Structure formats: structure tokens, C-alpha cells
Amino acid sequence: MGNLLHRRGNPPKKGTVLLTPHTSSGQIRELEKGKLPIKMLNIAKTYRRQSDISHTPMFHQFEGLCIGENISIAQLKGTLEYFAKSYFGEKRQTRIRPFHFQFTEPSFEVDITCGVCNGTGILTDGSPCRLCKSGWLELGGAGMVHPNVLKNTGIDPEKFNGFAFGWGVERVALMKEGIEIDDLRLLYSNNLDFLQQF
């Protein structure tokens, strides 16, 4: 649409338009308000160049942000574990693995045991689990907010710190027991037999 307007002699007012690849801009706006402590969730539509069994080109992402004094990795892990047990059930296990994200340090990938194969990587018929392949599914990313992010939004990183996490709503639905989704792309199909379970 922007190119169409530009060809007609009306340049786009805000420059070239990019489909939103993540929801982190909402966190920055909240940090810039400077009202501490911060505990927030942000949910929005996002776009990526991926399409496979566990990715769709358009999905809904939600992110959490907690900023205050003396926030720890233990509190982050506890928050993630509480969500997983509340949403997925007491049997599901989570883990965090070191990773690199530009705006958190340290950073982690958050995994949960697969509900299709019960965390074994093998189905009851002996075949490999098509969804997880290993017993674990990547839930999303998390980490402690980088001090430079706080500094650049006017928050003193010597006094305040915090954590952030984010993952896709559709992927979380894919991982819930009792919902028959073995391919995330089915959520955007017109297969009524599949969609009627919702």
C-alpha cells in the first residue's frame, strides 16, 4: 500500500512499512513511562518468514516484563514454572537453556516436555514423535533485561533490574494436552473437522 501511495505522488508519512516481527516495542513504551515497578503482559499479532509444523508466517505473540528492585533468575524461573503448571498441568516439566538474545543478559530458551509423546520423543507405536523429535518443545525465549535497555529508557540499572519472556499463543495451544494439533498450520486452515474441537 505504501508503494502504491508513493507512486501516486503521496509519499508515506512514516516511511517504509514493515510487518511487526515481535511485540517488544510495547515493553519499551512501558519502560519509557518510568513508573516502577513494572509488571506487564503484551499481546499482539506478529509476522515471520517461517512456515512448518510448529511455525506460521503470522502468529500472536505475548510477552511479559517485570522490573523492580532485586529481581532474580529464580523469580523468572518460578514465573515460567507457575504458568506451565497452571496451563499445561502438573505433569509437564520445563527447563531453561542458555541462549543469546540481544536485549537480555543472561538469555534463555524455555522448553516444555511434549504432550504428544509425554516427553519421550517416541510415540506409543514406537515411531518417533513428529512434533518434538526429542521429548522437548521450545516454548519461547526469556532472560534478564540487559542493563543497557534500562539505561536507554531512563531507568537506573544500578537500582533496578528485571526479566522478560515471550512466546507464541498458537504454539502454546499446540503444546496443550487434549487439543489435537499435530501441525500448527492447521489453525489457519478451513478444515471444519479439525476446527470443531474448539
C-alpha atoms as a PDB file:
ATOM      1  CA  MET A   1       0.000   0.000   0.000  1.00  0.00           C
ATOM      2  CA  GLY A   2       2.885   2.365   0.851  1.00  0.00           C
ATOM      3  CA  ASN A   3       4.431   1.884  -2.614  1.00  0.00           C
ATOM      4  CA  LEU A   4       1.039   2.472  -4.247  1.00  0.00           C
ATOM      5  CA  LEU A   5       0.620   5.759  -2.365  1.00  0.00           C
ATOM      6  CA  HIS A   6       4.168   6.807  -3.256  1.00  0.00           C
ATOM      7  CA  ARG A   7       3.605   6.126  -6.979  1.00  0.00           C
ATOM      8  CA  ARG A   8       0.526   8.334  -6.887  1.00  0.00           C
ATOM      9  CA  GLY A   9       2.587  11.245  -5.574  1.00  0.00           C
ATOM     10  CA  ASN A  10       1.716  10.882  -1.893  1.00  0.00           C
ATOM     11  CA  PRO A  11       4.866   9.747  -0.021  1.00  0.00           C
ATOM     12  CA  PRO A  12       4.223   7.564   3.021  1.00  0.00           C
ATOM     13  CA  LYS A  13       4.090   9.688   6.190  1.00  0.00           C
ATOM     14  CA  LYS A  14       6.091   7.244   8.325  1.00  0.00           C
ATOM     15  CA  GLY A  15       8.477   5.813   5.758  1.00  0.00           C
ATOM     16  CA  THR A  16       8.646   2.207   4.586  1.00  0.00           C
ATOM     17  CA  VAL A  17       6.258  -0.094   6.417  1.00  0.00           C
ATOM     18  CA  LEU A  18       7.458  -3.380   7.942  1.00  0.00           C
ATOM     19  CA  LEU A  19       5.146  -6.061   9.296  1.00  0.00           C
ATOM     20  CA  THR A  20       5.798  -6.335  13.041  1.00  0.00           C
ATOM     21  CA  PRO A  21       8.265  -9.204  13.743  1.00  0.00           C
ATOM     22  CA  HIS A  22       7.868  -9.038  17.552  1.00  0.00           C
ATOM     23  CA  THR A  23       5.975  -7.236  20.327  1.00  0.00           C
ATOM     24  CA  SER A  24       8.958  -5.854  22.272  1.00  0.00           C
ATOM     25  CA  SER A  25       8.172  -2.272  21.265  1.00  0.00           C
ATOM     26  CA  GLY A  26       5.317  -2.398  23.793  1.00  0.00           C
ATOM     27  CA  GLN A  27       7.814  -3.169  26.535  1.00  0.00           C
ATOM     28  CA  ILE A  28       9.970  -0.187  25.546  1.00  0.00           C
ATOM     29  CA  ARG A  29       6.968   2.156  25.664  1.00  0.00           C
ATOM     30  CA  GLU A  30       6.161   0.877  29.175  1.00  0.00           C
ATOM     31  CA  LEU A  31       9.789   1.279  30.335  1.00  0.00           C
ATOM     32  CA  GLU A  32       9.906   4.848  28.974  1.00  0.00           C
ATOM     33  CA  LYS A  33       6.940   5.805  31.190  1.00  0.00           C
ATOM     34  CA  GLY A  34       9.297   5.349  34.169  1.00  0.00           C
ATOM     35  CA  LYS A  35       6.535   4.194  36.531  1.00  0.00           C
ATOM     36  CA  LEU A  36       8.196   1.500  38.650  1.00  0.00           C
ATOM     37  CA  PRO A  37       7.793  -1.305  39.498  1.00  0.00           C
ATOM     38  CA  ILE A  38       6.526  -2.716  36.181  1.00  0.00           C
ATOM     39  CA  LYS A  39       4.573  -5.957  35.751  1.00  0.00           C
ATOM     40  CA  MET A  40       3.005  -6.244  32.318  1.00  0.00           C
ATOM     41  CA  LEU A  41       1.847  -8.593  29.571  1.00  0.00           C
ATOM     42  CA  ASN A  42       1.740  -7.507  25.942  1.00  0.00           C
ATOM     43  CA  ILE A  43      -0.153  -9.422  23.249  1.00  0.00           C
ATOM     44  CA  ALA A  44      -0.103  -8.582  19.517  1.00  0.00           C
ATOM     45  CA  LYS A  45      -0.056 -10.032  16.001  1.00  0.00           C
ATOM     46  CA  THR A  46       3.442 -10.645  14.578  1.00  0.00           C
ATOM     47  CA  TYR A  47       4.941 -11.854  11.309  1.00  0.00           C
ATOM     48  CA  ARG A  48       7.938 -14.057  10.422  1.00  0.00           C
ATOM     49  CA  ARG A  49       9.291 -15.807   7.300  1.00  0.00           C
ATOM     50  CA  GLN A  50       8.736 -19.312   8.696  1.00  0.00           C
ATOM     51  CA  SER A  51       6.181 -21.965   7.812  1.00  0.00           C
ATOM     52  CA  ASP A  52       6.481 -25.533   9.076  1.00  0.00           C
ATOM     53  CA  ILE A  53       4.847 -27.904  11.545  1.00  0.00           C
ATOM     54  CA  SER A  54       5.495 -25.583  14.511  1.00  0.00           C
ATOM     55  CA  HIS A  55       5.649 -22.134  12.817  1.00  0.00           C
ATOM     56  CA  THR A  56       3.222 -19.963  10.854  1.00  0.00           C
ATOM     57  CA  PRO A  57       4.026 -16.746   8.929  1.00  0.00           C
ATOM     58  CA  MET A  58       1.543 -14.806  11.094  1.00  0.00           C
ATOM     59  CA  PHE A  59       1.019 -15.567  14.777  1.00  0.00           C
ATOM     60  CA  HIS A  60       0.084 -13.900  18.045  1.00  0.00           C
ATOM     61  CA  GLN A  61       2.901 -13.272  20.479  1.00  0.00           C
ATOM     62  CA  PHE A  62       2.637 -12.471  24.152  1.00  0.00           C
ATOM     63  CA  GLU A  63       5.429 -11.111  26.244  1.00  0.00           C
ATOM     64  CA  GLY A  64       5.855 -10.496  29.937  1.00  0.00           C
ATOM     65  CA  LEU A  65       8.026  -7.885  31.624  1.00  0.00           C
ATOM     66  CA  CYS A  66       8.834  -7.486  35.320  1.00  0.00           C
ATOM     67  CA  ILE A  67      11.073  -4.624  36.509  1.00  0.00           C
ATOM     68  CA  GLY A  68      11.790  -3.780  40.126  1.00  0.00           C
ATOM     69  CA  GLU A  69      14.486  -3.986  42.771  1.00  0.00           C
ATOM     70  CA  ASN A  70      16.442  -7.225  43.313  1.00  0.00           C
ATOM     71  CA  ILE A  71      14.596  -9.293  40.675  1.00  0.00           C
ATOM     72  CA  SER A  72      16.322 -12.660  40.183  1.00  0.00           C
ATOM     73  CA  ILE A  73      16.579 -15.505  37.691  1.00  0.00           C
ATOM     74  CA  ALA A  74      14.863 -17.649  40.343  1.00  0.00           C
ATOM     75  CA  GLN A  75      11.810 -15.368  40.105  1.00  0.00           C
ATOM     76  CA  LEU A  76      11.861 -15.664  36.315  1.00  0.00           C
ATOM     77  CA  LYS A  77      12.066 -19.460  36.525  1.00  0.00           C
ATOM     78  CA  GLY A  78       9.289 -19.516  39.135  1.00  0.00           C
ATOM     79  CA  THR A  79       7.034 -17.382  36.921  1.00  0.00           C
ATOM     80  CA  LEU A  80       7.621 -19.654  33.916  1.00  0.00           C
ATOM     81  CA  GLU A  81       7.065 -22.797  36.009  1.00  0.00           C
ATOM     82  CA  TYR A  82       3.845 -21.380  37.520  1.00  0.00           C
ATOM     83  CA  PHE A  83       2.463 -20.627  34.058  1.00  0.00           C
ATOM     84  CA  ALA A  84       3.420 -24.059  32.713  1.00  0.00           C
ATOM     85  CA  LYS A  85       1.869 -25.961  35.632  1.00  0.00           C
ATOM     86  CA  SER A  86      -1.293 -23.806  35.579  1.00  0.00           C
ATOM     87  CA  TYR A  87      -1.882 -24.019  31.824  1.00  0.00           C
ATOM     88  CA  PHE A  88      -0.428 -27.385  30.808  1.00  0.00           C
ATOM     89  CA  GLY A  89      -0.923 -29.391  34.021  1.00  0.00           C
ATOM     90  CA  GLU A  90       1.211 -30.639  36.881  1.00  0.00           C
ATOM     91  CA  LYS A  91       2.846 -33.459  34.863  1.00  0.00           C
ATOM     92  CA  ARG A  92       4.582 -31.200  32.367  1.00  0.00           C
ATOM     93  CA  GLN A  93       8.184 -30.193  33.063  1.00  0.00           C
ATOM     94  CA  THR A  94      10.040 -27.057  31.962  1.00  0.00           C
ATOM     95  CA  ARG A  95      13.703 -26.231  31.569  1.00  0.00           C
ATOM     96  CA  ILE A  96      15.739 -23.202  30.576  1.00  0.00           C
ATOM     97  CA  ARG A  97      18.806 -23.419  28.320  1.00  0.00           C
ATOM     98  CA  PRO A  98      21.431 -20.713  27.787  1.00  0.00           C
ATOM     99  CA  PHE A  99      20.867 -18.802  24.559  1.00  0.00           C
ATOM    100  CA  HIS A 100      21.579 -15.364  23.095  1.00  0.00           C
ATOM    101  CA  PHE A 101      19.012 -12.615  22.716  1.00  0.00           C
ATOM    102  CA  GLN A 102      20.245  -9.094  22.101  1.00  0.00           C
ATOM    103  CA  PHE A 103      18.209  -7.340  24.781  1.00  0.00           C
ATOM    104  CA  THR A 104      18.591  -9.776  27.708  1.00  0.00           C
ATOM    105  CA  GLU A 105      21.666 -10.991  29.599  1.00  0.00           C
ATOM    106  CA  PRO A 106      21.725 -13.771  30.550  1.00  0.00           C
ATOM    107  CA  SER A 107      19.264 -15.140  27.989  1.00  0.00           C
ATOM    108  CA  PHE A 108      17.438 -18.473  27.870  1.00  0.00           C
ATOM    109  CA  GLU A 109      15.325 -20.664  25.617  1.00  0.00           C
ATOM    110  CA  VAL A 110      12.376 -22.065  27.555  1.00  0.00           C
ATOM    111  CA  ASP A 111      11.394 -25.685  26.808  1.00  0.00           C
ATOM    112  CA  ILE A 112       8.497 -27.854  27.967  1.00  0.00           C
ATOM    113  CA  THR A 113       8.057 -31.595  27.742  1.00  0.00           C
ATOM    114  CA  CYS A 114       5.997 -32.707  24.748  1.00  0.00           C
ATOM    115  CA  GLY A 115       2.393 -33.610  25.495  1.00  0.00           C
ATOM    116  CA  VAL A 116       2.091 -35.869  22.426  1.00  0.00           C
ATOM    117  CA  CYS A 117       4.857 -38.321  23.421  1.00  0.00           C
ATOM    118  CA  ASN A 118       4.939 -37.444  27.158  1.00  0.00           C
ATOM    119  CA  GLY A 119       8.482 -36.174  26.892  1.00  0.00           C
ATOM    120  CA  THR A 120       9.998 -39.375  25.486  1.00  0.00           C
ATOM    121  CA  GLY A 121      10.401 -38.461  21.800  1.00  0.00           C
ATOM    122  CA  ILE A 122       8.755 -41.812  20.903  1.00  0.00           C
ATOM    123  CA  LEU A 123       5.046 -42.422  20.264  1.00  0.00           C
ATOM    124  CA  THR A 124       3.172 -45.416  21.713  1.00  0.00           C
ATOM    125  CA  ASP A 125       3.501 -47.255  18.375  1.00  0.00           C
ATOM    126  CA  GLY A 126       7.306 -46.945  18.589  1.00  0.00           C
ATOM    127  CA  SER A 127       7.642 -44.292  15.863  1.00  0.00           C
ATOM    128  CA  PRO A 128       9.485 -41.004  16.507  1.00  0.00           C
ATOM    129  CA  CYS A 129       7.324 -38.096  17.656  1.00  0.00           C
ATOM    130  CA  ARG A 130       6.723 -35.929  14.583  1.00  0.00           C
ATOM    131  CA  LEU A 131       6.153 -32.830  16.684  1.00  0.00           C
ATOM    132  CA  CYS A 132       9.101 -32.693  19.099  1.00  0.00           C
ATOM    133  CA  LYS A 133      11.560 -35.331  17.825  1.00  0.00           C
ATOM    134  CA  SER A 134      13.331 -35.311  21.230  1.00  0.00           C
ATOM    135  CA  GLY A 135      10.786 -35.105  24.067  1.00  0.00           C
ATOM    136  CA  TRP A 136      11.121 -31.318  24.451  1.00  0.00           C
ATOM    137  CA  LEU A 137       9.395 -28.423  22.675  1.00  0.00           C
ATOM    138  CA  GLU A 138      10.665 -24.852  22.558  1.00  0.00           C
ATOM    139  CA  LEU A 139       8.112 -22.698  24.354  1.00  0.00           C
ATOM    140  CA  GLY A 140       9.827 -19.356  23.828  1.00  0.00           C
ATOM    141  CA  GLY A 141      12.592 -17.050  24.952  1.00  0.00           C
ATOM    142  CA  ALA A 142      13.355 -15.329  28.248  1.00  0.00           C
ATOM    143  CA  GLY A 143      16.088 -13.567  30.149  1.00  0.00           C
ATOM    144  CA  MET A 144      17.153 -10.801  32.470  1.00  0.00           C
ATOM    145  CA  VAL A 145      16.662  -7.364  30.888  1.00  0.00           C
ATOM    146  CA  HIS A 146      20.023  -6.038  29.679  1.00  0.00           C
ATOM    147  CA  PRO A 147      21.249  -3.057  31.757  1.00  0.00           C
ATOM    148  CA  ASN A 148      21.691  -1.009  28.549  1.00  0.00           C
ATOM    149  CA  VAL A 149      17.970  -1.397  27.791  1.00  0.00           C
ATOM    150  CA  LEU A 150      17.142   0.043  31.208  1.00  0.00           C
ATOM    151  CA  LYS A 151      19.713   2.835  30.848  1.00  0.00           C
ATOM    152  CA  ASN A 152      18.431   3.794  27.379  1.00  0.00           C
ATOM    153  CA  THR A 153      14.866   4.104  28.704  1.00  0.00           C
ATOM    154  CA  GLY A 154      15.842   6.315  31.649  1.00  0.00           C
ATOM    155  CA  ILE A 155      15.897   3.641  34.372  1.00  0.00           C
ATOM    156  CA  ASP A 156      18.904   3.310  36.675  1.00  0.00           C
ATOM    157  CA  PRO A 157      20.311  -0.225  36.147  1.00  0.00           C
ATOM    158  CA  GLU A 158      22.259   0.066  39.418  1.00  0.00           C
ATOM    159  CA  LYS A 159      18.976   0.238  41.337  1.00  0.00           C
ATOM    160  CA  PHE A 160      16.508  -1.673  39.153  1.00  0.00           C
ATOM    161  CA  ASN A 161      16.598  -4.888  37.138  1.00  0.00           C
ATOM    162  CA  GLY A 162      14.103  -7.400  35.842  1.00  0.00           C
ATOM    163  CA  PHE A 163      13.169 -10.158  33.459  1.00  0.00           C
ATOM    164  CA  ALA A 164      11.264 -10.573  30.215  1.00  0.00           C
ATOM    165  CA  PHE A 165       9.812 -13.531  28.344  1.00  0.00           C
ATOM    166  CA  GLY A 166       7.808 -14.117  25.191  1.00  0.00           C
ATOM    167  CA  TRP A 167       6.253 -16.848  23.092  1.00  0.00           C
ATOM    168  CA  GLY A 168       3.581 -17.507  20.506  1.00  0.00           C
ATOM    169  CA  VAL A 169      -0.031 -18.029  21.589  1.00  0.00           C
ATOM    170  CA  GLU A 170      -0.597 -20.601  18.820  1.00  0.00           C
ATOM    171  CA  ARG A 171       2.480 -22.592  19.814  1.00  0.00           C
ATOM    172  CA  VAL A 172       1.282 -22.679  23.421  1.00  0.00           C
ATOM    173  CA  ALA A 173      -2.064 -24.053  22.180  1.00  0.00           C
ATOM    174  CA  LEU A 174      -0.199 -26.659  20.117  1.00  0.00           C
ATOM    175  CA  MET A 175       1.522 -27.929  23.259  1.00  0.00           C
ATOM    176  CA  LYS A 176      -1.594 -28.247  25.443  1.00  0.00           C
ATOM    177  CA  GLU A 177      -2.842 -31.757  26.172  1.00  0.00           C
ATOM    178  CA  GLY A 178      -6.344 -32.614  24.996  1.00  0.00           C
ATOM    179  CA  ILE A 179      -6.112 -30.452  21.882  1.00  0.00           C
ATOM    180  CA  GLU A 180      -5.447 -32.429  18.720  1.00  0.00           C
ATOM    181  CA  ILE A 181      -2.961 -30.254  16.815  1.00  0.00           C
ATOM    182  CA  ASP A 182      -0.061 -32.030  15.179  1.00  0.00           C
ATOM    183  CA  ASP A 183       0.667 -29.203  12.730  1.00  0.00           C
ATOM    184  CA  LEU A 184       0.342 -25.542  13.752  1.00  0.00           C
ATOM    185  CA  ARG A 185      -0.667 -24.508  10.224  1.00  0.00           C
ATOM    186  CA  LEU A 186      -3.986 -26.326  10.719  1.00  0.00           C
ATOM    187  CA  LEU A 187      -5.157 -23.460  12.947  1.00  0.00           C
ATOM    188  CA  TYR A 188      -5.389 -21.276   9.839  1.00  0.00           C
ATOM    189  CA  SER A 189      -6.936 -23.907   7.592  1.00  0.00           C
ATOM    190  CA  ASN A 190     -10.589 -24.283   6.648  1.00  0.00           C
ATOM    191  CA  ASN A 191     -10.762 -27.933   7.802  1.00  0.00           C
ATOM    192  CA  LEU A 192     -14.018 -27.955   9.785  1.00  0.00           C
ATOM    193  CA  ASP A 193     -13.382 -31.412  11.257  1.00  0.00           C
ATOM    194  CA  PHE A 194     -10.245 -30.029  12.850  1.00  0.00           C
ATOM    195  CA  LEU A 195     -11.645 -26.614  13.822  1.00  0.00           C
ATOM    196  CA  GLN A 196     -14.773 -28.009  15.512  1.00  0.00           C
ATOM    197  CA  GLN A 197     -12.733 -29.162  18.526  1.00  0.00           C
ATOM    198  CA  PHE A 198     -12.515 -25.503  19.521  1.00  0.00           C
END
